[in-house]
Amino acid sequence: MKRLLCTALTALVLVGAVSASAAQQPSSGLTLTPGVLSIGMEIGYPPFEYLDVDGKTPIGFDVEMAKALAAKLNLTPNFIDTAWDGIFAGVETGRYDCIISAVTVTEERLRIHNFTKPYIGNAQVMVLLKGSTITARTPQETSGLGVSYQAETTSDIFMADLAAQGVNFTPYEYDKVMNCFDELRLGRVDVIVCDSLVAFDYTKTEDSPFEIVWEGEADETFGICLKKSNAALTAALDKALDELFADGTMQKISTDVFGRDMVSNVRN
């Protein structure tokens, strides 16, 4: 999902950054600041992390999960809004303790960073306006259409692969996934390809102008990303996640946000 393409560049940056950041790591305790869990997050990806109507307060699935995790660890959560293209370097250089921001777990990222156990699964979907005259019902049928997706994400890679296979669509890349839905609503694009978890939120009400017309296989999971050497906090967050699944907190957060349990399948 969110944001895979900048990983290789991030890896090069981190080679020089890790040694310089050693002095910023905590000498004792779990976190950089005693009593605080500092969380890197790109706050612009509903329903996972976005701002409430006041324009200041972070809300969403990841926000509520982070608060519950911090409570399990007797820590105060501190959300640090971070641009996606620098978010991985930030955790390695000690700007924050972890990244909780709908981060897909990949083999490449596992070589560079620590990850907790996965907490939710995800697939790619195609979204149209209800009542659209567009007849395409799969991404493979989007030749001649304007397809919107968030740049530097799994959706971007997915559509780039289709383009390489000869699907001749017009790409519309946006920094925020919410821009894709705004543009489709205004009729400036024909189709959205995005994460199922995002699309479910936009289509869950009867009065939604959007509908999901295709869903791929759930082939990726999200996890919490940490500095590669931070085994202690990784283990503590894993334990806290296990407890949140066991006591039903994760399922409740999912139901509150998505209207259904979207998390239990990653623990089966």
C-alpha atoms as a PDB file:
ATOM      1  CA  MET A   1       0.000   0.000   0.000  1.00  0.00           C
ATOM      2  CA  LYS A   2       1.115   3.319   1.125  1.00  0.00           C
ATOM      3  CA  ARG A   3       4.227   4.057  -0.291  1.00  0.00           C
ATOM      4  CA  LEU A   4       6.757   1.658  -1.448  1.00  0.00           C
ATOM      5  CA  LEU A   5       8.749   3.461  -4.128  1.00  0.00           C
ATOM      6  CA  CYS A   6      10.949   5.626  -1.924  1.00  0.00           C
ATOM      7  CA  THR A   7      12.344   2.688   0.064  1.00  0.00           C
ATOM      8  CA  ALA A   8      15.441   2.188  -2.086  1.00  0.00           C
ATOM      9  CA  LEU A   9      16.406   5.855  -1.848  1.00  0.00           C
ATOM     10  CA  THR A  10      15.758   5.783   1.876  1.00  0.00           C
ATOM     11  CA  ALA A  11      18.134   2.839   2.232  1.00  0.00           C
ATOM     12  CA  LEU A  12      20.948   4.845   0.656  1.00  0.00           C
ATOM     13  CA  VAL A  13      20.303   7.798   2.929  1.00  0.00           C
ATOM     14  CA  LEU A  14      20.258   5.591   5.997  1.00  0.00           C
ATOM     15  CA  VAL A  15      23.678   4.091   5.307  1.00  0.00           C
ATOM     16  CA  GLY A  16      25.227   7.405   6.222  1.00  0.00           C
ATOM     17  CA  ALA A  17      22.665   8.343   8.837  1.00  0.00           C
ATOM     18  CA  VAL A  18      22.705   5.374  11.197  1.00  0.00           C
ATOM     19  CA  SER A  19      26.153   5.966  12.685  1.00  0.00           C
ATOM     20  CA  ALA A  20      25.434   9.660  13.134  1.00  0.00           C
ATOM     21  CA  SER A  21      22.223   8.861  14.967  1.00  0.00           C
ATOM     22  CA  ALA A  22      23.725   6.550  17.583  1.00  0.00           C
ATOM     23  CA  ALA A  23      24.026   9.319  20.147  1.00  0.00           C
ATOM     24  CA  GLN A  24      20.323  10.018  19.827  1.00  0.00           C
ATOM     25  CA  GLN A  25      19.268   6.541  20.926  1.00  0.00           C
ATOM     26  CA  PRO A  26      18.056   6.104  24.498  1.00  0.00           C
ATOM     27  CA  SER A  27      20.683   4.778  26.888  1.00  0.00           C
ATOM     28  CA  SER A  28      18.010   3.176  29.049  1.00  0.00           C
ATOM     29  CA  GLY A  29      14.280   2.562  28.926  1.00  0.00           C
ATOM     30  CA  LEU A  30      12.179   1.846  25.902  1.00  0.00           C
ATOM     31  CA  THR A  31      11.718   5.264  24.336  1.00  0.00           C
ATOM     32  CA  LEU A  32      13.712   8.287  23.247  1.00  0.00           C
ATOM     33  CA  THR A  33      11.871  10.497  25.739  1.00  0.00           C
ATOM     34  CA  PRO A  34      11.030   8.901  29.111  1.00  0.00           C
ATOM     35  CA  GLY A  35       7.294   8.368  29.488  1.00  0.00           C
ATOM     36  CA  VAL A  36       6.510   9.268  25.873  1.00  0.00           C
ATOM     37  CA  LEU A  37       5.950   7.118  22.780  1.00  0.00           C
ATOM     38  CA  SER A  38       6.914   9.343  19.841  1.00  0.00           C
ATOM     39  CA  ILE A  39       5.161   8.234  16.654  1.00  0.00           C
ATOM     40  CA  GLY A  40       6.038   9.232  13.094  1.00  0.00           C
ATOM     41  CA  MET A  41       2.875   9.510  11.012  1.00  0.00           C
ATOM     42  CA  GLU A  42       1.873  11.040   7.673  1.00  0.00           C
ATOM     43  CA  ILE A  43      -1.421  12.570   8.790  1.00  0.00           C
ATOM     44  CA  GLY A  44      -3.366  12.623   5.542  1.00  0.00           C
ATOM     45  CA  TYR A  45      -4.432   9.055   4.848  1.00  0.00           C
ATOM     46  CA  PRO A  46      -8.034   8.438   5.950  1.00  0.00           C
ATOM     47  CA  PRO A  47      -9.285   6.319   7.575  1.00  0.00           C
ATOM     48  CA  PHE A  48      -5.909   5.501   9.126  1.00  0.00           C
ATOM     49  CA  GLU A  49      -4.588   8.932   9.998  1.00  0.00           C
ATOM     50  CA  TYR A  50      -6.081  12.312   9.211  1.00  0.00           C
ATOM     51  CA  LEU A  51      -7.142  15.526  10.946  1.00  0.00           C
ATOM     52  CA  ASP A  52     -10.504  16.021  12.620  1.00  0.00           C
ATOM     53  CA  VAL A  53     -12.801  18.861  11.601  1.00  0.00           C
ATOM     54  CA  ASP A  54     -10.826  21.238  13.818  1.00  0.00           C
ATOM     55  CA  GLY A  55      -7.850  20.793  11.490  1.00  0.00           C
ATOM     56  CA  LYS A  56      -5.561  20.034  14.422  1.00  0.00           C
ATOM     57  CA  THR A  57      -6.512  16.759  16.118  1.00  0.00           C
ATOM     58  CA  PRO A  58      -5.235  13.485  14.576  1.00  0.00           C
ATOM     59  CA  ILE A  59      -7.900  10.786  14.288  1.00  0.00           C
ATOM     60  CA  GLY A  60      -8.268   7.452  12.526  1.00  0.00           C
ATOM     61  CA  PHE A  61      -7.521   3.750  12.923  1.00  0.00           C
ATOM     62  CA  ASP A  62      -3.770   4.072  13.459  1.00  0.00           C
ATOM     63  CA  VAL A  63      -4.262   6.965  15.867  1.00  0.00           C
ATOM     64  CA  GLU A  64      -6.667   5.001  18.071  1.00  0.00           C
ATOM     65  CA  MET A  65      -4.450   1.919  17.940  1.00  0.00           C
ATOM     66  CA  ALA A  66      -1.388   3.970  18.865  1.00  0.00           C
ATOM     67  CA  LYS A  67      -3.198   5.466  21.839  1.00  0.00           C
ATOM     68  CA  ALA A  68      -4.221   1.989  23.024  1.00  0.00           C
ATOM     69  CA  LEU A  69      -0.666   0.673  22.597  1.00  0.00           C
ATOM     70  CA  ALA A  70       0.798   3.610  24.502  1.00  0.00           C
ATOM     71  CA  ALA A  71      -1.690   3.025  27.325  1.00  0.00           C
ATOM     72  CA  LYS A  72      -0.623  -0.638  27.533  1.00  0.00           C
ATOM     73  CA  LEU A  73       2.988   0.541  27.926  1.00  0.00           C
ATOM     74  CA  ASN A  74       2.097   3.326  30.388  1.00  0.00           C
ATOM     75  CA  LEU A  75       3.363   5.912  27.900  1.00  0.00           C
ATOM     76  CA  THR A  76       1.904   9.133  26.507  1.00  0.00           C
ATOM     77  CA  PRO A  77       1.564   9.115  22.693  1.00  0.00           C
ATOM     78  CA  ASN A  78       3.112  12.003  20.759  1.00  0.00           C
ATOM     79  CA  PHE A  79       2.175  12.153  17.070  1.00  0.00           C
ATOM     80  CA  ILE A  80       4.765  13.742  14.780  1.00  0.00           C
ATOM     81  CA  ASP A  81       3.323  14.611  11.362  1.00  0.00           C
ATOM     82  CA  THR A  82       5.953  13.672   8.796  1.00  0.00           C
ATOM     83  CA  ALA A  83       6.125  13.762   5.001  1.00  0.00           C
ATOM     84  CA  TRP A  84       6.199  10.246   3.612  1.00  0.00           C
ATOM     85  CA  ASP A  85       9.421  10.715   1.645  1.00  0.00           C
ATOM     86  CA  GLY A  86      11.379  11.235   4.871  1.00  0.00           C
ATOM     87  CA  ILE A  87       9.447   9.095   7.323  1.00  0.00           C
ATOM     88  CA  PHE A  88      11.779   6.060   7.347  1.00  0.00           C
ATOM     89  CA  ALA A  89      14.928   8.124   7.757  1.00  0.00           C
ATOM     90  CA  GLY A  90      13.240   9.787  10.739  1.00  0.00           C
ATOM     91  CA  VAL A  91      12.887   6.560  12.705  1.00  0.00           C
ATOM     92  CA  GLU A  92      16.491   5.523  12.032  1.00  0.00           C
ATOM     93  CA  THR A  93      17.927   8.912  13.020  1.00  0.00           C
ATOM     94  CA  GLY A  94      15.973   9.109  16.266  1.00  0.00           C
ATOM     95  CA  ARG A  95      13.343  11.703  15.436  1.00  0.00           C
ATOM     96  CA  TYR A  96      10.677   9.359  16.831  1.00  0.00           C
ATOM     97  CA  ASP A  97      10.462   5.881  18.333  1.00  0.00           C
ATOM     98  CA  CYS A  98       8.355   4.197  15.656  1.00  0.00           C
ATOM     99  CA  ILE A  99       6.229   4.720  12.562  1.00  0.00           C
ATOM    100  CA  ILE A 100       2.522   3.920  12.796  1.00  0.00           C
ATOM    101  CA  SER A 101       1.222   5.073   9.443  1.00  0.00           C
ATOM    102  CA  ALA A 102      -0.300   2.239   7.377  1.00  0.00           C
ATOM    103  CA  VAL A 103       3.171   0.920   6.534  1.00  0.00           C
ATOM    104  CA  THR A 104       3.233  -2.179   4.353  1.00  0.00           C
ATOM    105  CA  VAL A 105       5.616  -4.884   5.556  1.00  0.00           C
ATOM    106  CA  THR A 106       7.952  -5.862   2.701  1.00  0.00           C
ATOM    107  CA  GLU A 107      11.097  -7.979   2.460  1.00  0.00           C
ATOM    108  CA  GLU A 108      13.109  -4.910   1.479  1.00  0.00           C
ATOM    109  CA  ARG A 109      11.896  -2.929   4.462  1.00  0.00           C
ATOM    110  CA  LEU A 110      12.534  -5.854   6.807  1.00  0.00           C
ATOM    111  CA  ARG A 111      16.191  -5.775   5.778  1.00  0.00           C
ATOM    112  CA  ILE A 112      16.465  -2.135   6.806  1.00  0.00           C
ATOM    113  CA  HIS A 113      14.050  -1.781   9.751  1.00  0.00           C
ATOM    114  CA  ASN A 114      12.386  -3.722  12.549  1.00  0.00           C
ATOM    115  CA  PHE A 115       8.667  -4.472  12.283  1.00  0.00           C
ATOM    116  CA  THR A 116       6.096  -5.709  14.728  1.00  0.00           C
ATOM    117  CA  LYS A 117       3.691  -8.500  13.903  1.00  0.00           C
ATOM    118  CA  PRO A 118       1.098  -7.364  11.325  1.00  0.00           C
ATOM    119  CA  TYR A 119      -2.070  -5.738  12.608  1.00  0.00           C
ATOM    120  CA  ILE A 120      -4.267  -5.536   9.496  1.00  0.00           C
ATOM    121  CA  GLY A 121      -4.407  -6.878   5.925  1.00  0.00           C
ATOM    122  CA  ASN A 122      -4.995  -5.030   2.665  1.00  0.00           C
ATOM    123  CA  ALA A 123      -5.769  -5.500  -1.050  1.00  0.00           C
ATOM    124  CA  GLN A 124      -6.054  -3.290  -4.130  1.00  0.00           C
ATOM    125  CA  VAL A 125      -9.500  -2.186  -5.336  1.00  0.00           C
ATOM    126  CA  MET A 126     -11.002  -0.178  -8.178  1.00  0.00           C
ATOM    127  CA  VAL A 127     -13.543   2.545  -7.392  1.00  0.00           C
ATOM    128  CA  LEU A 128     -16.051   4.304  -9.653  1.00  0.00           C
ATOM    129  CA  LEU A 129     -18.751   6.881  -9.107  1.00  0.00           C
ATOM    130  CA  LYS A 130     -22.155   5.301  -8.599  1.00  0.00           C
ATOM    131  CA  GLY A 131     -24.089   5.464 -11.845  1.00  0.00           C
ATOM    132  CA  SER A 132     -20.923   5.952 -13.882  1.00  0.00           C
ATOM    133  CA  THR A 133     -21.085   5.170 -17.592  1.00  0.00           C
ATOM    134  CA  ILE A 134     -17.626   3.601 -17.349  1.00  0.00           C
ATOM    135  CA  THR A 135     -17.958  -0.075 -18.279  1.00  0.00           C
ATOM    136  CA  ALA A 136     -14.522  -1.223 -17.071  1.00  0.00           C
ATOM    137  CA  ARG A 137     -14.772  -3.556 -14.100  1.00  0.00           C
ATOM    138  CA  THR A 138     -11.113  -4.437 -13.608  1.00  0.00           C
ATOM    139  CA  PRO A 139      -7.901  -2.378 -13.711  1.00  0.00           C
ATOM    140  CA  GLN A 140      -6.858  -4.425 -16.751  1.00  0.00           C
ATOM    141  CA  GLU A 141      -9.768  -2.816 -18.644  1.00  0.00           C
ATOM    142  CA  THR A 142      -8.798   0.833 -17.999  1.00  0.00           C
ATOM    143  CA  SER A 143      -7.130   1.599 -21.348  1.00  0.00           C
ATOM    144  CA  GLY A 144      -8.308   5.018 -22.496  1.00  0.00           C
ATOM    145  CA  LEU A 145      -9.405   6.042 -18.983  1.00  0.00           C
ATOM    146  CA  GLY A 146      -7.997   8.497 -16.468  1.00  0.00           C
ATOM    147  CA  VAL A 147      -6.856   6.468 -13.460  1.00  0.00           C
ATOM    148  CA  SER A 148      -6.011   8.187 -10.177  1.00  0.00           C
ATOM    149  CA  TYR A 149      -3.931   6.780  -7.324  1.00  0.00           C
ATOM    150  CA  GLN A 150      -1.593   7.973  -4.616  1.00  0.00           C
ATOM    151  CA  ALA A 151       1.997   8.363  -5.761  1.00  0.00           C
ATOM    152  CA  GLU A 152       4.718   6.123  -4.292  1.00  0.00           C
ATOM    153  CA  THR A 153       2.291   3.493  -3.057  1.00  0.00           C
ATOM    154  CA  THR A 154       1.414  -0.094  -3.836  1.00  0.00           C
ATOM    155  CA  SER A 155      -1.343   1.270  -6.090  1.00  0.00           C
ATOM    156  CA  ASP A 156       1.293   3.209  -8.035  1.00  0.00           C
ATOM    157  CA  ILE A 157       3.401   0.066  -8.487  1.00  0.00           C
ATOM    158  CA  PHE A 158       0.325  -1.982  -9.414  1.00  0.00           C
ATOM    159  CA  MET A 159      -0.725   0.444 -12.159  1.00  0.00           C
ATOM    160  CA  ALA A 160       2.855   0.862 -13.406  1.00  0.00           C
ATOM    161  CA  ASP A 161       3.015  -2.912 -13.854  1.00  0.00           C
ATOM    162  CA  LEU A 162      -0.222  -2.840 -15.866  1.00  0.00           C
ATOM    163  CA  ALA A 163       1.130  -0.005 -18.012  1.00  0.00           C
ATOM    164  CA  ALA A 164       4.235  -2.107 -18.724  1.00  0.00           C
ATOM    165  CA  GLN A 165       1.895  -4.898 -19.833  1.00  0.00           C
ATOM    166  CA  GLY A 166       0.237  -2.580 -22.363  1.00  0.00           C
ATOM    167  CA  VAL A 167      -2.771  -1.176 -20.483  1.00  0.00           C
ATOM    168  CA  ASN A 168      -2.856   2.326 -21.977  1.00  0.00           C
ATOM    169  CA  PHE A 169      -4.501   4.480 -19.286  1.00  0.00           C
ATOM    170  CA  THR A 170      -3.792   8.110 -18.379  1.00  0.00           C
ATOM    171  CA  PRO A 171      -2.214   8.260 -14.894  1.00  0.00           C
ATOM    172  CA  TYR A 172      -3.223  10.897 -12.351  1.00  0.00           C
ATOM    173  CA  GLU A 173      -0.901  10.709  -9.336  1.00  0.00           C
ATOM    174  CA  TYR A 174      -1.682  12.596  -6.132  1.00  0.00           C
ATOM    175  CA  ASP A 175       0.224  13.162  -2.898  1.00  0.00           C
ATOM    176  CA  LYS A 176      -2.822  12.330  -0.770  1.00  0.00           C
ATOM    177  CA  VAL A 177      -5.347   9.573  -1.396  1.00  0.00           C
ATOM    178  CA  MET A 178      -8.153  11.927  -0.384  1.00  0.00           C
ATOM    179  CA  ASN A 179      -7.306  14.007  -3.470  1.00  0.00           C
ATOM    180  CA  CYS A 180      -8.110  10.993  -5.659  1.00  0.00           C
ATOM    181  CA  PHE A 181     -11.623  10.802  -4.229  1.00  0.00           C
ATOM    182  CA  ASP A 182     -12.102  14.565  -4.541  1.00  0.00           C
ATOM    183  CA  GLU A 183     -11.100  14.431  -8.204  1.00  0.00           C
ATOM    184  CA  LEU A 184     -13.379  11.468  -8.956  1.00  0.00           C
ATOM    185  CA  ARG A 185     -16.285  13.216  -7.253  1.00  0.00           C
ATOM    186  CA  LEU A 186     -15.659  16.284  -9.440  1.00  0.00           C
ATOM    187  CA  GLY A 187     -15.454  14.170 -12.614  1.00  0.00           C
ATOM    188  CA  ARG A 188     -11.834  15.021 -13.338  1.00  0.00           C
ATOM    189  CA  VAL A 189     -10.753  11.373 -13.383  1.00  0.00           C
ATOM    190  CA  ASP A 190     -12.602   8.194 -14.343  1.00  0.00           C
ATOM    191  CA  VAL A 191     -11.333   5.595 -11.904  1.00  0.00           C
ATOM    192  CA  ILE A 192      -9.489   5.252  -8.588  1.00  0.00           C
ATOM    193  CA  VAL A 193      -7.163   2.385  -7.698  1.00  0.00           C
ATOM    194  CA  CYS A 194      -6.364   2.334  -3.993  1.00  0.00           C
ATOM    195  CA  ASP A 195      -6.158   0.217  -0.861  1.00  0.00           C
ATOM    196  CA  SER A 196      -9.252  -1.735   0.058  1.00  0.00           C
ATOM    197  CA  LEU A 197      -9.083  -0.433   3.608  1.00  0.00           C
ATOM    198  CA  VAL A 198      -9.269   3.145   2.366  1.00  0.00           C
ATOM    199  CA  ALA A 199     -12.031   2.413  -0.141  1.00  0.00           C
ATOM    200  CA  PHE A 200     -14.158   0.595   2.445  1.00  0.00           C
ATOM    201  CA  ASP A 201     -14.216   3.773   4.510  1.00  0.00           C
ATOM    202  CA  TYR A 202     -15.279   5.940   1.565  1.00  0.00           C
ATOM    203  CA  THR A 203     -18.015   3.501   0.470  1.00  0.00           C
ATOM    204  CA  LYS A 204     -19.408   2.262   3.785  1.00  0.00           C
ATOM    205  CA  THR A 205     -22.472   4.554   3.909  1.00  0.00           C
ATOM    206  CA  GLU A 206     -25.523   4.235   1.676  1.00  0.00           C
ATOM    207  CA  ASP A 207     -25.272   7.857   0.588  1.00  0.00           C
ATOM    208  CA  SER A 208     -21.649   7.495  -0.558  1.00  0.00           C
ATOM    209  CA  PRO A 209     -21.193   8.606  -4.183  1.00  0.00           C
ATOM    210  CA  PHE A 210     -18.549   5.883  -4.659  1.00  0.00           C
ATOM    211  CA  GLU A 211     -18.671   2.137  -5.249  1.00  0.00           C
ATOM    212  CA  ILE A 212     -16.048  -0.606  -5.328  1.00  0.00           C
ATOM    213  CA  VAL A 213     -16.341  -2.551  -8.596  1.00  0.00           C
ATOM    214  CA  TRP A 214     -13.253  -4.782  -8.276  1.00  0.00           C
ATOM    215  CA  GLU A 215     -11.195  -6.129  -5.385  1.00  0.00           C
ATOM    216  CA  GLY A 216      -7.915  -8.021  -5.694  1.00  0.00           C
ATOM    217  CA  GLU A 217      -6.520 -10.592  -3.307  1.00  0.00           C
ATOM    218  CA  ALA A 218      -5.440  -9.441   0.155  1.00  0.00           C
ATOM    219  CA  ASP A 219      -1.715  -9.814  -0.378  1.00  0.00           C
ATOM    220  CA  GLU A 220      -0.109  -7.351   2.037  1.00  0.00           C
ATOM    221  CA  THR A 221      -0.141  -6.473   5.709  1.00  0.00           C
ATOM    222  CA  PHE A 222       0.647  -3.393   7.765  1.00  0.00           C
ATOM    223  CA  GLY A 223       2.983  -3.322  10.755  1.00  0.00           C
ATOM    224  CA  ILE A 224       4.671  -0.866  13.094  1.00  0.00           C
ATOM    225  CA  CYS A 225       8.131   0.147  11.849  1.00  0.00           C
ATOM    226  CA  LEU A 226      11.077   0.732  14.190  1.00  0.00           C
ATOM    227  CA  LYS A 227      14.831   1.310  14.088  1.00  0.00           C
ATOM    228  CA  LYS A 228      16.586  -1.921  13.130  1.00  0.00           C
ATOM    229  CA  SER A 229      18.487  -2.109  16.436  1.00  0.00           C
ATOM    230  CA  ASN A 230      15.483  -1.393  18.647  1.00  0.00           C
ATOM    231  CA  ALA A 231      14.622  -4.942  19.687  1.00  0.00           C
ATOM    232  CA  ALA A 232      13.331  -3.973  23.136  1.00  0.00           C
ATOM    233  CA  LEU A 233      10.603  -1.609  21.957  1.00  0.00           C
ATOM    234  CA  THR A 234       9.713  -3.963  19.094  1.00  0.00           C
ATOM    235  CA  ALA A 235       9.129  -6.774  21.593  1.00  0.00           C
ATOM    236  CA  ALA A 236       7.145  -4.501  23.925  1.00  0.00           C
ATOM    237  CA  LEU A 237       4.888  -3.315  21.104  1.00  0.00           C
ATOM    238  CA  ASP A 238       4.375  -6.902  19.918  1.00  0.00           C
ATOM    239  CA  LYS A 239       3.293  -7.916  23.413  1.00  0.00           C
ATOM    240  CA  ALA A 240       0.956  -4.933  23.656  1.00  0.00           C
ATOM    241  CA  LEU A 241      -0.525  -5.729  20.232  1.00  0.00           C
ATOM    242  CA  ASP A 242      -1.135  -9.333  21.291  1.00  0.00           C
ATOM    243  CA  GLU A 243      -2.980  -8.062  24.366  1.00  0.00           C
ATOM    244  CA  LEU A 244      -5.097  -5.652  22.303  1.00  0.00           C
ATOM    245  CA  PHE A 245      -6.127  -8.487  19.998  1.00  0.00           C
ATOM    246  CA  ALA A 246      -6.819 -10.805  22.942  1.00  0.00           C
ATOM    247  CA  ASP A 247      -8.983  -8.332  24.864  1.00  0.00           C
ATOM    248  CA  GLY A 248     -10.991  -7.258  21.783  1.00  0.00           C
ATOM    249  CA  THR A 249      -9.656  -3.701  21.579  1.00  0.00           C
ATOM    250  CA  MET A 250      -8.347  -4.094  18.031  1.00  0.00           C
ATOM    251  CA  GLN A 251     -11.621  -5.544  16.831  1.00  0.00           C
ATOM    252  CA  LYS A 252     -13.541  -2.674  18.455  1.00  0.00           C
ATOM    253  CA  ILE A 253     -11.325  -0.042  16.833  1.00  0.00           C
ATOM    254  CA  SER A 254     -11.822  -1.757  13.470  1.00  0.00           C
ATOM    255  CA  THR A 255     -15.597  -1.885  13.908  1.00  0.00           C
ATOM    256  CA  ASP A 256     -15.703   1.766  14.962  1.00  0.00           C
ATOM    257  CA  VAL A 257     -13.694   2.857  11.910  1.00  0.00           C
ATOM    258  CA  PHE A 258     -14.674   0.381   9.183  1.00  0.00           C
ATOM    259  CA  GLY A 259     -18.024  -0.864  10.436  1.00  0.00           C
ATOM    260  CA  ARG A 260     -16.683  -4.423  10.552  1.00  0.00           C
ATOM    261  CA  ASP A 261     -13.844  -6.575  11.903  1.00  0.00           C
ATOM    262  CA  MET A 262     -10.981  -6.106   9.431  1.00  0.00           C
ATOM    263  CA  VAL A 263      -8.159  -7.224  11.733  1.00  0.00           C
ATOM    264  CA  SER A 264      -8.783 -10.725  13.068  1.00  0.00           C
ATOM    265  CA  ASN A 265      -7.849 -12.400   9.789  1.00  0.00           C
ATOM    266  CA  VAL A 266      -4.178 -11.394  10.166  1.00  0.00           C
ATOM    267  CA  ARG A 267      -3.999 -13.439  13.375  1.00  0.00           C
ATOM    268  CA  ASN A 268      -5.576 -16.616  11.955  1.00  0.00           C
END
